[in-house]
């Protein structure tokens, strides 16, 4: 699992970032050339891609789930295509939420499965026939924006409004997966989640490139979630501090914070320590939906943690849902050869 170093998120990156620039130059050349390649495969179904410019979490999965609701309302039957990051499955696999666990298919796949069929495939085109067989008529890709193996009919890039693109440098000198200009060429729209200087910078750059700019906010899935008590909050996501801030914004008193690396596979020792600390101090345990998904189907202390921990779920709220609805309708109907009313 990649743990983002702190210098990635400093404005200039510092000495370490500067020292890594020669390696970043090589990465830029390779990743940029890869992104500009023509797609290898065009699926027989429309493909919407939800990606991000950088390594780490920006809100792709909540965005994909929100898009699925809009697509369903438009009369389509969406399915999801994901790499299954953090899972051990190697061949293309249709997720069975009743039997599969996060260790097999990854945490994101389990969350997406609440909304429709999910195919896990590191080689994205190999997941398409599984979704076709499951009866979907359009595909929502969670991640894979930089992957040229499958043609996309609409690419929405999600940007954290606070973190933005960090120091603006390409890996390993910074968090960008490929040069920003190259990525913008492949993006149809940019979604800024939340507000902050990082997002403002991306808006300026994306606007100069002629990209559509959209805005959204993460809000609690349950507005009445917080009902008193002191919380021990734990999270293994791209930016755990974002989860902690969301909890506090909802009115929770966080007495303890336990950050873990992104997609962290919780051990029994991790679970036992969290349970013991919560019991000793009288804290309520709370975590994210993704982290809770990784605890499903476990045993021992991890199962106890899954049973004890409350889930603070979030959902994506688009500032102008009518606009993104029109963009999606136009892209889907054009790809499917149907007349569109979107403008």
C-alpha atoms as a PDB file:
ATOM      1  CA  UNK A   1       0.000   0.000   0.000  1.00  0.00           C
ATOM      2  CA  UNK A   2       1.259   3.505  -0.823  1.00  0.00           C
ATOM      3  CA  UNK A   3       1.547   5.862   2.146  1.00  0.00           C
ATOM      4  CA  UNK A   4       1.786   9.440   0.922  1.00  0.00           C
ATOM      5  CA  UNK A   5       4.820  11.234   2.394  1.00  0.00           C
ATOM      6  CA  UNK A   6       4.147  14.592   3.996  1.00  0.00           C
ATOM      7  CA  UNK A   7       6.353  16.543   1.614  1.00  0.00           C
ATOM      8  CA  UNK A   8       3.932  15.690  -1.217  1.00  0.00           C
ATOM      9  CA  UNK A   9       1.428  18.061   0.350  1.00  0.00           C
ATOM     10  CA  UNK A  10       3.773  20.965   1.085  1.00  0.00           C
ATOM     11  CA  UNK A  11       3.560  23.851  -1.369  1.00  0.00           C
ATOM     12  CA  UNK A  12       7.057  23.476  -2.798  1.00  0.00           C
ATOM     13  CA  UNK A  13       7.829  19.967  -1.587  1.00  0.00           C
ATOM     14  CA  UNK A  14      11.165  20.763   0.070  1.00  0.00           C
ATOM     15  CA  UNK A  15      14.620  19.272  -0.378  1.00  0.00           C
ATOM     16  CA  UNK A  16      13.407  15.657  -0.627  1.00  0.00           C
ATOM     17  CA  UNK A  17      11.045  16.498  -3.445  1.00  0.00           C
ATOM     18  CA  UNK A  18      13.801  18.373  -5.279  1.00  0.00           C
ATOM     19  CA  UNK A  19      16.178  15.414  -4.924  1.00  0.00           C
ATOM     20  CA  UNK A  20      13.570  13.102  -6.478  1.00  0.00           C
ATOM     21  CA  UNK A  21      12.940  15.289  -9.524  1.00  0.00           C
ATOM     22  CA  UNK A  22      15.210  13.264 -11.854  1.00  0.00           C
ATOM     23  CA  UNK A  23      13.205  10.120 -11.081  1.00  0.00           C
ATOM     24  CA  UNK A  24       9.980  12.096 -11.410  1.00  0.00           C
ATOM     25  CA  UNK A  25      11.070  13.246 -14.869  1.00  0.00           C
ATOM     26  CA  UNK A  26      11.342   9.620 -15.987  1.00  0.00           C
ATOM     27  CA  UNK A  27       7.978   8.769 -14.395  1.00  0.00           C
ATOM     28  CA  UNK A  28       6.425  11.802 -16.127  1.00  0.00           C
ATOM     29  CA  UNK A  29       7.661  10.712 -19.531  1.00  0.00           C
ATOM     30  CA  UNK A  30       6.482   7.130 -19.122  1.00  0.00           C
ATOM     31  CA  UNK A  31       3.110   7.865 -17.496  1.00  0.00           C
ATOM     32  CA  UNK A  32       2.386  10.745 -19.864  1.00  0.00           C
ATOM     33  CA  UNK A  33       3.111   8.657 -22.957  1.00  0.00           C
ATOM     34  CA  UNK A  34       0.970   5.836 -21.588  1.00  0.00           C
ATOM     35  CA  UNK A  35      -2.009   8.137 -20.996  1.00  0.00           C
ATOM     36  CA  UNK A  36      -1.842   9.530 -24.521  1.00  0.00           C
ATOM     37  CA  UNK A  37      -1.950   6.093 -26.149  1.00  0.00           C
ATOM     38  CA  UNK A  38      -5.176   5.218 -28.008  1.00  0.00           C
ATOM     39  CA  UNK A  39      -7.400   2.912 -25.934  1.00  0.00           C
ATOM     40  CA  UNK A  40      -6.815  -0.777 -26.581  1.00  0.00           C
ATOM     41  CA  UNK A  41     -10.467  -1.839 -26.221  1.00  0.00           C
ATOM     42  CA  UNK A  42     -13.834  -0.143 -26.660  1.00  0.00           C
ATOM     43  CA  UNK A  43     -16.559  -1.767 -24.592  1.00  0.00           C
ATOM     44  CA  UNK A  44     -19.973  -2.471 -26.162  1.00  0.00           C
ATOM     45  CA  UNK A  45     -21.448  -0.482 -23.239  1.00  0.00           C
ATOM     46  CA  UNK A  46     -21.002   3.201 -22.334  1.00  0.00           C
ATOM     47  CA  UNK A  47     -18.176   3.748 -19.827  1.00  0.00           C
ATOM     48  CA  UNK A  48     -18.087   6.548 -17.251  1.00  0.00           C
ATOM     49  CA  UNK A  49     -14.756   6.864 -15.452  1.00  0.00           C
ATOM     50  CA  UNK A  50     -14.412   8.411 -11.991  1.00  0.00           C
ATOM     51  CA  UNK A  51     -10.738   9.074 -11.315  1.00  0.00           C
ATOM     52  CA  UNK A  52      -8.319  11.469  -9.691  1.00  0.00           C
ATOM     53  CA  UNK A  53      -5.103  13.221 -10.604  1.00  0.00           C
ATOM     54  CA  UNK A  54      -3.143  12.098  -7.552  1.00  0.00           C
ATOM     55  CA  UNK A  55      -2.354   9.059  -5.449  1.00  0.00           C
ATOM     56  CA  UNK A  56      -4.658   8.725  -2.457  1.00  0.00           C
ATOM     57  CA  UNK A  57      -8.262   9.417  -1.616  1.00  0.00           C
ATOM     58  CA  UNK A  58     -10.236  12.277  -3.117  1.00  0.00           C
ATOM     59  CA  UNK A  59     -13.776  10.919  -2.849  1.00  0.00           C
ATOM     60  CA  UNK A  60     -13.951   8.697  -5.936  1.00  0.00           C
ATOM     61  CA  UNK A  61     -16.097   5.959  -4.398  1.00  0.00           C
ATOM     62  CA  UNK A  62     -18.783   8.292  -2.928  1.00  0.00           C
ATOM     63  CA  UNK A  63     -18.814  10.054  -6.308  1.00  0.00           C
ATOM     64  CA  UNK A  64     -19.267   6.770  -8.173  1.00  0.00           C
ATOM     65  CA  UNK A  65     -22.138   5.824  -5.862  1.00  0.00           C
ATOM     66  CA  UNK A  66     -23.829   9.204  -6.355  1.00  0.00           C
ATOM     67  CA  UNK A  67     -23.421   8.949 -10.126  1.00  0.00           C
ATOM     68  CA  UNK A  68     -25.020   5.502 -10.038  1.00  0.00           C
ATOM     69  CA  UNK A  69     -28.155   7.030  -8.500  1.00  0.00           C
ATOM     70  CA  UNK A  70     -28.338   9.650 -11.243  1.00  0.00           C
ATOM     71  CA  UNK A  71     -27.740   7.084 -13.973  1.00  0.00           C
ATOM     72  CA  UNK A  72     -30.473   4.848 -12.591  1.00  0.00           C
ATOM     73  CA  UNK A  73     -32.848   7.803 -12.557  1.00  0.00           C
ATOM     74  CA  UNK A  74     -32.006   8.334 -16.234  1.00  0.00           C
ATOM     75  CA  UNK A  75     -33.260   4.819 -16.933  1.00  0.00           C
ATOM     76  CA  UNK A  76     -29.947   2.962 -17.162  1.00  0.00           C
ATOM     77  CA  UNK A  77     -28.830  -0.142 -15.267  1.00  0.00           C
ATOM     78  CA  UNK A  78     -25.258   0.622 -14.122  1.00  0.00           C
ATOM     79  CA  UNK A  79     -22.575  -1.775 -13.013  1.00  0.00           C
ATOM     80  CA  UNK A  80     -19.171  -0.984 -11.562  1.00  0.00           C
ATOM     81  CA  UNK A  81     -15.685  -1.849 -12.741  1.00  0.00           C
ATOM     82  CA  UNK A  82     -12.806  -1.583 -10.288  1.00  0.00           C
ATOM     83  CA  UNK A  83      -9.302  -2.874  -9.825  1.00  0.00           C
ATOM     84  CA  UNK A  84     -10.101  -4.307  -6.396  1.00  0.00           C
ATOM     85  CA  UNK A  85      -7.202  -2.552  -4.702  1.00  0.00           C
ATOM     86  CA  UNK A  86      -6.166  -4.338  -1.519  1.00  0.00           C
ATOM     87  CA  UNK A  87      -7.803  -7.641  -2.518  1.00  0.00           C
ATOM     88  CA  UNK A  88      -5.975 -10.824  -3.461  1.00  0.00           C
ATOM     89  CA  UNK A  89      -8.149 -11.872  -6.402  1.00  0.00           C
ATOM     90  CA  UNK A  90      -6.104 -11.940  -9.608  1.00  0.00           C
ATOM     91  CA  UNK A  91      -8.514 -13.080 -12.334  1.00  0.00           C
ATOM     92  CA  UNK A  92     -11.530 -10.997 -13.379  1.00  0.00           C
ATOM     93  CA  UNK A  93     -14.245 -11.649 -10.802  1.00  0.00           C
ATOM     94  CA  UNK A  94     -17.907 -10.703 -10.352  1.00  0.00           C
ATOM     95  CA  UNK A  95     -18.375  -9.720  -6.719  1.00  0.00           C
ATOM     96  CA  UNK A  96     -20.753 -11.738  -4.573  1.00  0.00           C
ATOM     97  CA  UNK A  97     -21.400  -9.477  -1.557  1.00  0.00           C
ATOM     98  CA  UNK A  98     -22.891 -12.374   0.410  1.00  0.00           C
ATOM     99  CA  UNK A  99     -19.700 -14.448   0.161  1.00  0.00           C
ATOM    100  CA  UNK A 100     -16.768 -12.207  -0.782  1.00  0.00           C
ATOM    101  CA  UNK A 101     -14.780 -10.193   1.742  1.00  0.00           C
ATOM    102  CA  UNK A 102     -12.422  -7.243   1.450  1.00  0.00           C
ATOM    103  CA  UNK A 103      -9.377  -9.504   1.647  1.00  0.00           C
ATOM    104  CA  UNK A 104     -10.517 -11.069  -1.627  1.00  0.00           C
ATOM    105  CA  UNK A 105     -11.997  -8.149  -3.615  1.00  0.00           C
ATOM    106  CA  UNK A 106     -10.993  -4.972  -1.756  1.00  0.00           C
ATOM    107  CA  UNK A 107     -13.071  -2.638   0.395  1.00  0.00           C
ATOM    108  CA  UNK A 108     -14.290  -0.370  -2.417  1.00  0.00           C
ATOM    109  CA  UNK A 109     -15.837  -3.288  -4.325  1.00  0.00           C
ATOM    110  CA  UNK A 110     -17.994  -4.199  -1.320  1.00  0.00           C
ATOM    111  CA  UNK A 111     -19.273  -0.641  -0.947  1.00  0.00           C
ATOM    112  CA  UNK A 112     -20.092  -0.385  -4.649  1.00  0.00           C
ATOM    113  CA  UNK A 113     -21.931  -3.716  -4.546  1.00  0.00           C
ATOM    114  CA  UNK A 114     -24.681  -2.037  -2.506  1.00  0.00           C
ATOM    115  CA  UNK A 115     -25.687  -0.157  -5.681  1.00  0.00           C
ATOM    116  CA  UNK A 116     -25.241  -2.725  -8.445  1.00  0.00           C
ATOM    117  CA  UNK A 117     -23.110  -5.508  -9.950  1.00  0.00           C
ATOM    118  CA  UNK A 118     -19.357  -5.082  -9.497  1.00  0.00           C
ATOM    119  CA  UNK A 119     -16.576  -6.626 -11.562  1.00  0.00           C
ATOM    120  CA  UNK A 120     -13.065  -6.633 -10.114  1.00  0.00           C
ATOM    121  CA  UNK A 121     -10.390  -6.762 -12.804  1.00  0.00           C
ATOM    122  CA  UNK A 122      -6.846  -5.438 -12.806  1.00  0.00           C
ATOM    123  CA  UNK A 123      -7.053  -5.853 -16.595  1.00  0.00           C
ATOM    124  CA  UNK A 124     -10.146  -3.687 -16.972  1.00  0.00           C
ATOM    125  CA  UNK A 125     -11.433  -5.014 -20.338  1.00  0.00           C
ATOM    126  CA  UNK A 126     -11.677  -8.521 -18.870  1.00  0.00           C
ATOM    127  CA  UNK A 127     -14.288  -7.312 -16.413  1.00  0.00           C
ATOM    128  CA  UNK A 128     -16.624  -6.010 -19.124  1.00  0.00           C
ATOM    129  CA  UNK A 129     -18.096  -9.414 -20.189  1.00  0.00           C
ATOM    130  CA  UNK A 130     -18.885 -10.183 -16.540  1.00  0.00           C
ATOM    131  CA  UNK A 131     -20.916  -6.999 -16.256  1.00  0.00           C
ATOM    132  CA  UNK A 132     -22.640  -7.645 -19.579  1.00  0.00           C
ATOM    133  CA  UNK A 133     -23.666 -11.081 -18.324  1.00  0.00           C
ATOM    134  CA  UNK A 134     -24.982  -9.473 -15.135  1.00  0.00           C
ATOM    135  CA  UNK A 135     -27.422  -7.417 -17.215  1.00  0.00           C
ATOM    136  CA  UNK A 136     -25.994  -3.908 -16.915  1.00  0.00           C
ATOM    137  CA  UNK A 137     -26.230  -1.428 -19.797  1.00  0.00           C
ATOM    138  CA  UNK A 138     -23.544   1.041 -18.710  1.00  0.00           C
ATOM    139  CA  UNK A 139     -20.324   0.870 -16.704  1.00  0.00           C
ATOM    140  CA  UNK A 140     -19.036   3.163 -13.973  1.00  0.00           C
ATOM    141  CA  UNK A 141     -15.286   2.755 -13.456  1.00  0.00           C
ATOM    142  CA  UNK A 142     -14.045   3.550  -9.953  1.00  0.00           C
ATOM    143  CA  UNK A 143     -10.467   4.659 -10.719  1.00  0.00           C
ATOM    144  CA  UNK A 144      -8.537   3.691 -13.850  1.00  0.00           C
ATOM    145  CA  UNK A 145      -8.474   7.196 -15.304  1.00  0.00           C
ATOM    146  CA  UNK A 146      -4.776   6.887 -16.203  1.00  0.00           C
ATOM    147  CA  UNK A 147      -5.211   3.346 -17.556  1.00  0.00           C
ATOM    148  CA  UNK A 148      -5.484   3.331 -21.387  1.00  0.00           C
ATOM    149  CA  UNK A 149      -6.693  -0.246 -21.737  1.00  0.00           C
ATOM    150  CA  UNK A 150     -10.412   0.644 -21.916  1.00  0.00           C
ATOM    151  CA  UNK A 151     -11.967   3.576 -23.791  1.00  0.00           C
ATOM    152  CA  UNK A 152     -13.955   6.020 -21.665  1.00  0.00           C
ATOM    153  CA  UNK A 153     -17.019   7.887 -22.892  1.00  0.00           C
ATOM    154  CA  UNK A 154     -16.942  10.391 -20.021  1.00  0.00           C
ATOM    155  CA  UNK A 155     -14.119  10.984 -17.532  1.00  0.00           C
ATOM    156  CA  UNK A 156     -14.843  12.854 -14.305  1.00  0.00           C
ATOM    157  CA  UNK A 157     -11.765  13.642 -12.208  1.00  0.00           C
ATOM    158  CA  UNK A 158     -12.348  14.154  -8.474  1.00  0.00           C
ATOM    159  CA  UNK A 159     -10.181  16.636  -6.555  1.00  0.00           C
ATOM    160  CA  UNK A 160     -10.084  17.166  -2.805  1.00  0.00           C
ATOM    161  CA  UNK A 161     -10.741  20.869  -2.305  1.00  0.00           C
ATOM    162  CA  UNK A 162      -8.296  21.136   0.595  1.00  0.00           C
ATOM    163  CA  UNK A 163      -5.397  18.964  -0.592  1.00  0.00           C
ATOM    164  CA  UNK A 164      -5.732  19.732  -4.297  1.00  0.00           C
ATOM    165  CA  UNK A 165      -2.742  18.279  -6.149  1.00  0.00           C
ATOM    166  CA  UNK A 166      -0.302  18.827  -3.301  1.00  0.00           C
ATOM    167  CA  UNK A 167       3.035  20.252  -4.422  1.00  0.00           C
ATOM    168  CA  UNK A 168       2.028  19.797  -8.065  1.00  0.00           C
ATOM    169  CA  UNK A 169       4.862  17.400  -8.883  1.00  0.00           C
ATOM    170  CA  UNK A 170       4.743  13.918 -10.389  1.00  0.00           C
ATOM    171  CA  UNK A 171       5.583  10.806  -8.382  1.00  0.00           C
ATOM    172  CA  UNK A 172       7.813  10.223  -6.505  1.00  0.00           C
ATOM    173  CA  UNK A 173       8.577  13.944  -6.076  1.00  0.00           C
ATOM    174  CA  UNK A 174       4.859  14.630  -5.565  1.00  0.00           C
ATOM    175  CA  UNK A 175       1.447  12.948  -5.639  1.00  0.00           C
ATOM    176  CA  UNK A 176       0.526  13.388  -9.321  1.00  0.00           C
ATOM    177  CA  UNK A 177       0.133  10.096 -11.189  1.00  0.00           C
ATOM    178  CA  UNK A 178       1.100  11.742 -14.485  1.00  0.00           C
ATOM    179  CA  UNK A 179       1.775  15.321 -15.656  1.00  0.00           C
ATOM    180  CA  UNK A 180      -1.247  17.481 -14.921  1.00  0.00           C
ATOM    181  CA  UNK A 181      -1.487  18.913 -18.447  1.00  0.00           C
ATOM    182  CA  UNK A 182      -1.534  15.413 -19.919  1.00  0.00           C
ATOM    183  CA  UNK A 183      -4.239  14.328 -17.506  1.00  0.00           C
ATOM    184  CA  UNK A 184      -6.363  17.368 -18.270  1.00  0.00           C
ATOM    185  CA  UNK A 185      -6.339  16.434 -21.957  1.00  0.00           C
ATOM    186  CA  UNK A 186      -8.142  13.190 -21.058  1.00  0.00           C
ATOM    187  CA  UNK A 187     -10.573  14.732 -18.534  1.00  0.00           C
ATOM    188  CA  UNK A 188     -14.072  15.803 -19.553  1.00  0.00           C
ATOM    189  CA  UNK A 189     -14.899  17.452 -16.237  1.00  0.00           C
ATOM    190  CA  UNK A 190     -13.257  18.175 -12.885  1.00  0.00           C
ATOM    191  CA  UNK A 191     -15.210  17.790  -9.640  1.00  0.00           C
ATOM    192  CA  UNK A 192     -13.930  19.827  -6.674  1.00  0.00           C
ATOM    193  CA  UNK A 193     -15.045  18.274  -3.381  1.00  0.00           C
ATOM    194  CA  UNK A 194     -15.173  20.788  -0.540  1.00  0.00           C
ATOM    195  CA  UNK A 195     -13.422  24.144  -0.439  1.00  0.00           C
ATOM    196  CA  UNK A 196      -9.829  25.201   0.029  1.00  0.00           C
ATOM    197  CA  UNK A 197      -6.754  26.687  -1.628  1.00  0.00           C
ATOM    198  CA  UNK A 198      -5.800  23.343  -3.179  1.00  0.00           C
ATOM    199  CA  UNK A 199      -9.050  23.115  -5.063  1.00  0.00           C
ATOM    200  CA  UNK A 200      -8.925  26.775  -6.078  1.00  0.00           C
ATOM    201  CA  UNK A 201      -5.571  26.217  -7.775  1.00  0.00           C
ATOM    202  CA  UNK A 202      -6.892  23.229  -9.733  1.00  0.00           C
ATOM    203  CA  UNK A 203      -9.949  25.236 -10.799  1.00  0.00           C
ATOM    204  CA  UNK A 204      -7.723  27.928 -12.305  1.00  0.00           C
ATOM    205  CA  UNK A 205      -5.580  25.416 -14.203  1.00  0.00           C
ATOM    206  CA  UNK A 206      -8.558  23.325 -15.377  1.00  0.00           C
ATOM    207  CA  UNK A 207     -10.497  26.401 -16.472  1.00  0.00           C
ATOM    208  CA  UNK A 208      -7.568  27.563 -18.601  1.00  0.00           C
ATOM    209  CA  UNK A 209      -7.582  24.102 -20.211  1.00  0.00           C
ATOM    210  CA  UNK A 210     -11.288  24.482 -21.022  1.00  0.00           C
ATOM    211  CA  UNK A 211     -12.500  21.723 -18.725  1.00  0.00           C
ATOM    212  CA  UNK A 212     -15.960  21.708 -17.155  1.00  0.00           C
ATOM    213  CA  UNK A 213     -15.726  22.585 -13.437  1.00  0.00           C
ATOM    214  CA  UNK A 214     -18.210  21.018 -11.023  1.00  0.00           C
ATOM    215  CA  UNK A 215     -18.458  21.254  -7.245  1.00  0.00           C
ATOM    216  CA  UNK A 216     -19.700  18.895  -4.556  1.00  0.00           C
ATOM    217  CA  UNK A 217     -19.606  18.334  -0.814  1.00  0.00           C
ATOM    218  CA  UNK A 218     -19.442  15.284   1.394  1.00  0.00           C
ATOM    219  CA  UNK A 219     -22.180  15.219   3.996  1.00  0.00           C
ATOM    220  CA  UNK A 220     -23.163  12.685   6.663  1.00  0.00           C
ATOM    221  CA  UNK A 221     -25.322   9.882   5.302  1.00  0.00           C
ATOM    222  CA  UNK A 222     -27.217  10.109   8.598  1.00  0.00           C
ATOM    223  CA  UNK A 223     -27.648  13.699   9.817  1.00  0.00           C
ATOM    224  CA  UNK A 224     -28.617  12.374  13.272  1.00  0.00           C
ATOM    225  CA  UNK A 225     -25.518  10.179  13.626  1.00  0.00           C
ATOM    226  CA  UNK A 226     -23.999  12.001  16.609  1.00  0.00           C
ATOM    227  CA  UNK A 227     -26.010  11.571  19.807  1.00  0.00           C
ATOM    228  CA  UNK A 228     -23.482  12.184  22.539  1.00  0.00           C
ATOM    229  CA  UNK A 229     -20.472  10.431  23.968  1.00  0.00           C
ATOM    230  CA  UNK A 230     -16.757  10.680  23.316  1.00  0.00           C
ATOM    231  CA  UNK A 231     -15.338   8.893  20.289  1.00  0.00           C
ATOM    232  CA  UNK A 232     -12.186   6.981  19.500  1.00  0.00           C
ATOM    233  CA  UNK A 233     -12.041   7.458  15.729  1.00  0.00           C
ATOM    234  CA  UNK A 234      -9.893   5.218  13.529  1.00  0.00           C
ATOM    235  CA  UNK A 235      -9.422   5.256   9.767  1.00  0.00           C
ATOM    236  CA  UNK A 236      -7.157   3.727   7.130  1.00  0.00           C
ATOM    237  CA  UNK A 237      -8.005   5.894   4.136  1.00  0.00           C
ATOM    238  CA  UNK A 238      -6.072   8.290   1.908  1.00  0.00           C
ATOM    239  CA  UNK A 239      -6.466  11.227   4.293  1.00  0.00           C
ATOM    240  CA  UNK A 240      -7.648  10.109   7.751  1.00  0.00           C
ATOM    241  CA  UNK A 241      -7.617  13.703   8.957  1.00  0.00           C
ATOM    242  CA  UNK A 242     -10.422  14.433   6.486  1.00  0.00           C
ATOM    243  CA  UNK A 243     -12.560  11.802   8.203  1.00  0.00           C
ATOM    244  CA  UNK A 244     -11.755  13.222  11.639  1.00  0.00           C
ATOM    245  CA  UNK A 245     -12.659  16.742  10.470  1.00  0.00           C
ATOM    246  CA  UNK A 246     -15.967  15.505   9.030  1.00  0.00           C
ATOM    247  CA  UNK A 247     -16.819  13.853  12.332  1.00  0.00           C
ATOM    248  CA  UNK A 248     -16.101  17.035  14.256  1.00  0.00           C
ATOM    249  CA  UNK A 249     -18.113  19.082  11.764  1.00  0.00           C
ATOM    250  CA  UNK A 250     -21.050  16.756  12.470  1.00  0.00           C
ATOM    251  CA  UNK A 251     -20.760  17.583  16.171  1.00  0.00           C
ATOM    252  CA  UNK A 252     -18.811  14.584  17.464  1.00  0.00           C
ATOM    253  CA  UNK A 253     -16.359  14.943  20.324  1.00  0.00           C
ATOM    254  CA  UNK A 254     -13.246  13.061  19.223  1.00  0.00           C
ATOM    255  CA  UNK A 255     -11.255  12.073  22.276  1.00  0.00           C
ATOM    256  CA  UNK A 256      -8.807   9.891  20.357  1.00  0.00           C
ATOM    257  CA  UNK A 257      -7.577   9.635  16.780  1.00  0.00           C
ATOM    258  CA  UNK A 258      -6.003   6.506  15.283  1.00  0.00           C
ATOM    259  CA  UNK A 259      -4.837   7.034  11.678  1.00  0.00           C
ATOM    260  CA  UNK A 260      -3.687   4.063   9.568  1.00  0.00           C
ATOM    261  CA  UNK A 261      -2.241   3.839   6.026  1.00  0.00           C
ATOM    262  CA  UNK A 262      -4.661   3.783   3.099  1.00  0.00           C
ATOM    263  CA  UNK A 263      -6.428   0.395   2.655  1.00  0.00           C
ATOM    264  CA  UNK A 264      -4.760  -0.847   5.859  1.00  0.00           C
ATOM    265  CA  UNK A 265      -5.469  -4.564   6.481  1.00  0.00           C
ATOM    266  CA  UNK A 266      -6.331  -4.541  10.173  1.00  0.00           C
ATOM    267  CA  UNK A 267      -4.620  -7.224  12.230  1.00  0.00           C
ATOM    268  CA  UNK A 268      -5.918  -8.854  15.396  1.00  0.00           C
ATOM    269  CA  UNK A 269      -3.299  -6.847  17.290  1.00  0.00           C
ATOM    270  CA  UNK A 270      -4.638  -3.589  15.810  1.00  0.00           C
ATOM    271  CA  UNK A 271      -8.185  -4.544  16.722  1.00  0.00           C
ATOM    272  CA  UNK A 272      -7.291  -5.678  20.241  1.00  0.00           C
ATOM    273  CA  UNK A 273      -5.444  -2.419  20.915  1.00  0.00           C
ATOM    274  CA  UNK A 274      -8.357  -0.290  19.704  1.00  0.00           C
ATOM    275  CA  UNK A 275     -10.864  -2.311  21.725  1.00  0.00           C
ATOM    276  CA  UNK A 276      -8.716  -2.101  24.854  1.00  0.00           C
ATOM    277  CA  UNK A 277      -8.220   1.653  24.570  1.00  0.00           C
ATOM    278  CA  UNK A 278     -11.922   2.262  24.017  1.00  0.00           C
ATOM    279  CA  UNK A 279     -12.860   0.061  26.981  1.00  0.00           C
ATOM    280  CA  UNK A 280     -10.286   1.637  29.310  1.00  0.00           C
ATOM    281  CA  UNK A 281     -11.313   5.203  28.538  1.00  0.00           C
ATOM    282  CA  UNK A 282     -15.027   4.682  27.968  1.00  0.00           C
ATOM    283  CA  UNK A 283     -14.883   5.797  24.341  1.00  0.00           C
ATOM    284  CA  UNK A 284     -17.271   4.890  21.566  1.00  0.00           C
ATOM    285  CA  UNK A 285     -15.509   3.459  18.508  1.00  0.00           C
ATOM    286  CA  UNK A 286     -16.230   4.980  15.115  1.00  0.00           C
ATOM    287  CA  UNK A 287     -14.776   4.437  11.657  1.00  0.00           C
ATOM    288  CA  UNK A 288     -15.427   4.889   7.937  1.00  0.00           C
ATOM    289  CA  UNK A 289     -17.566   2.652   5.745  1.00  0.00           C
ATOM    290  CA  UNK A 290     -14.432   1.518   3.873  1.00  0.00           C
ATOM    291  CA  UNK A 291     -12.616   0.542   7.039  1.00  0.00           C
ATOM    292  CA  UNK A 292     -15.660  -1.274   8.346  1.00  0.00           C
ATOM    293  CA  UNK A 293     -15.897  -3.167   5.037  1.00  0.00           C
ATOM    294  CA  UNK A 294     -12.375  -4.514   5.628  1.00  0.00           C
ATOM    295  CA  UNK A 295     -13.502  -5.867   8.994  1.00  0.00           C
ATOM    296  CA  UNK A 296     -16.520  -7.738   7.580  1.00  0.00           C
ATOM    297  CA  UNK A 297     -16.272 -11.514   7.532  1.00  0.00           C
ATOM    298  CA  UNK A 298     -13.296 -11.615   9.916  1.00  0.00           C
ATOM    299  CA  UNK A 299     -12.904 -13.403  13.237  1.00  0.00           C
ATOM    300  CA  UNK A 300     -11.455 -12.899  16.701  1.00  0.00           C
ATOM    301  CA  UNK A 301     -10.653  -9.355  17.786  1.00  0.00           C
ATOM    302  CA  UNK A 302     -11.310  -7.995  14.288  1.00  0.00           C
ATOM    303  CA  UNK A 303     -14.866  -9.363  14.356  1.00  0.00           C
ATOM    304  CA  UNK A 304     -15.363  -7.821  17.812  1.00  0.00           C
ATOM    305  CA  UNK A 305     -14.128  -4.496  16.463  1.00  0.00           C
ATOM    306  CA  UNK A 306     -16.535  -4.749  13.528  1.00  0.00           C
ATOM    307  CA  UNK A 307     -19.403  -5.360  15.957  1.00  0.00           C
ATOM    308  CA  UNK A 308     -18.400  -2.553  18.333  1.00  0.00           C
ATOM    309  CA  UNK A 309     -17.466   0.168  15.844  1.00  0.00           C
ATOM    310  CA  UNK A 310     -20.089   2.568  14.593  1.00  0.00           C
ATOM    311  CA  UNK A 311     -19.904   3.591  10.929  1.00  0.00           C
ATOM    312  CA  UNK A 312     -19.899   7.261  10.040  1.00  0.00           C
ATOM    313  CA  UNK A 313     -21.058   7.101   6.450  1.00  0.00           C
ATOM    314  CA  UNK A 314     -20.904   9.994   4.001  1.00  0.00           C
ATOM    315  CA  UNK A 315     -22.595  10.760   0.707  1.00  0.00           C
ATOM    316  CA  UNK A 316     -21.727  13.091  -2.125  1.00  0.00           C
ATOM    317  CA  UNK A 317     -23.957  16.082  -2.695  1.00  0.00           C
ATOM    318  CA  UNK A 318     -23.485  17.880  -6.003  1.00  0.00           C
ATOM    319  CA  UNK A 319     -23.809  21.654  -5.952  1.00  0.00           C
ATOM    320  CA  UNK A 320     -25.538  21.594  -9.344  1.00  0.00           C
ATOM    321  CA  UNK A 321     -26.936  18.097  -9.781  1.00  0.00           C
ATOM    322  CA  UNK A 322     -28.980  19.130 -12.819  1.00  0.00           C
ATOM    323  CA  UNK A 323     -25.790  20.049 -14.663  1.00  0.00           C
ATOM    324  CA  UNK A 324     -23.969  16.793 -13.995  1.00  0.00           C
ATOM    325  CA  UNK A 325     -27.157  14.947 -14.859  1.00  0.00           C
ATOM    326  CA  UNK A 326     -27.209  16.636 -18.293  1.00  0.00           C
ATOM    327  CA  UNK A 327     -23.530  15.846 -18.878  1.00  0.00           C
ATOM    328  CA  UNK A 328     -24.010  12.182 -17.984  1.00  0.00           C
ATOM    329  CA  UNK A 329     -27.194  11.825 -20.020  1.00  0.00           C
ATOM    330  CA  UNK A 330     -25.548  13.290 -23.106  1.00  0.00           C
ATOM    331  CA  UNK A 331     -22.431  11.094 -22.772  1.00  0.00           C
ATOM    332  CA  UNK A 332     -24.393   7.908 -22.105  1.00  0.00           C
ATOM    333  CA  UNK A 333     -26.922   8.401 -24.876  1.00  0.00           C
ATOM    334  CA  UNK A 334     -24.291   9.396 -27.430  1.00  0.00           C
ATOM    335  CA  UNK A 335     -22.259   6.304 -26.578  1.00  0.00           C
ATOM    336  CA  UNK A 336     -25.365   4.108 -26.763  1.00  0.00           C
ATOM    337  CA  UNK A 337     -26.521   5.691 -30.032  1.00  0.00           C
ATOM    338  CA  UNK A 338     -29.668   7.123 -28.441  1.00  0.00           C
ATOM    339  CA  UNK A 339     -31.156  10.608 -28.907  1.00  0.00           C
ATOM    340  CA  UNK A 340     -30.236  12.939 -26.062  1.00  0.00           C
ATOM    341  CA  UNK A 341     -32.198  15.798 -24.497  1.00  0.00           C
ATOM    342  CA  UNK A 342     -29.114  16.993 -22.557  1.00  0.00           C
ATOM    343  CA  UNK A 343     -27.624  20.371 -23.447  1.00  0.00           C
END
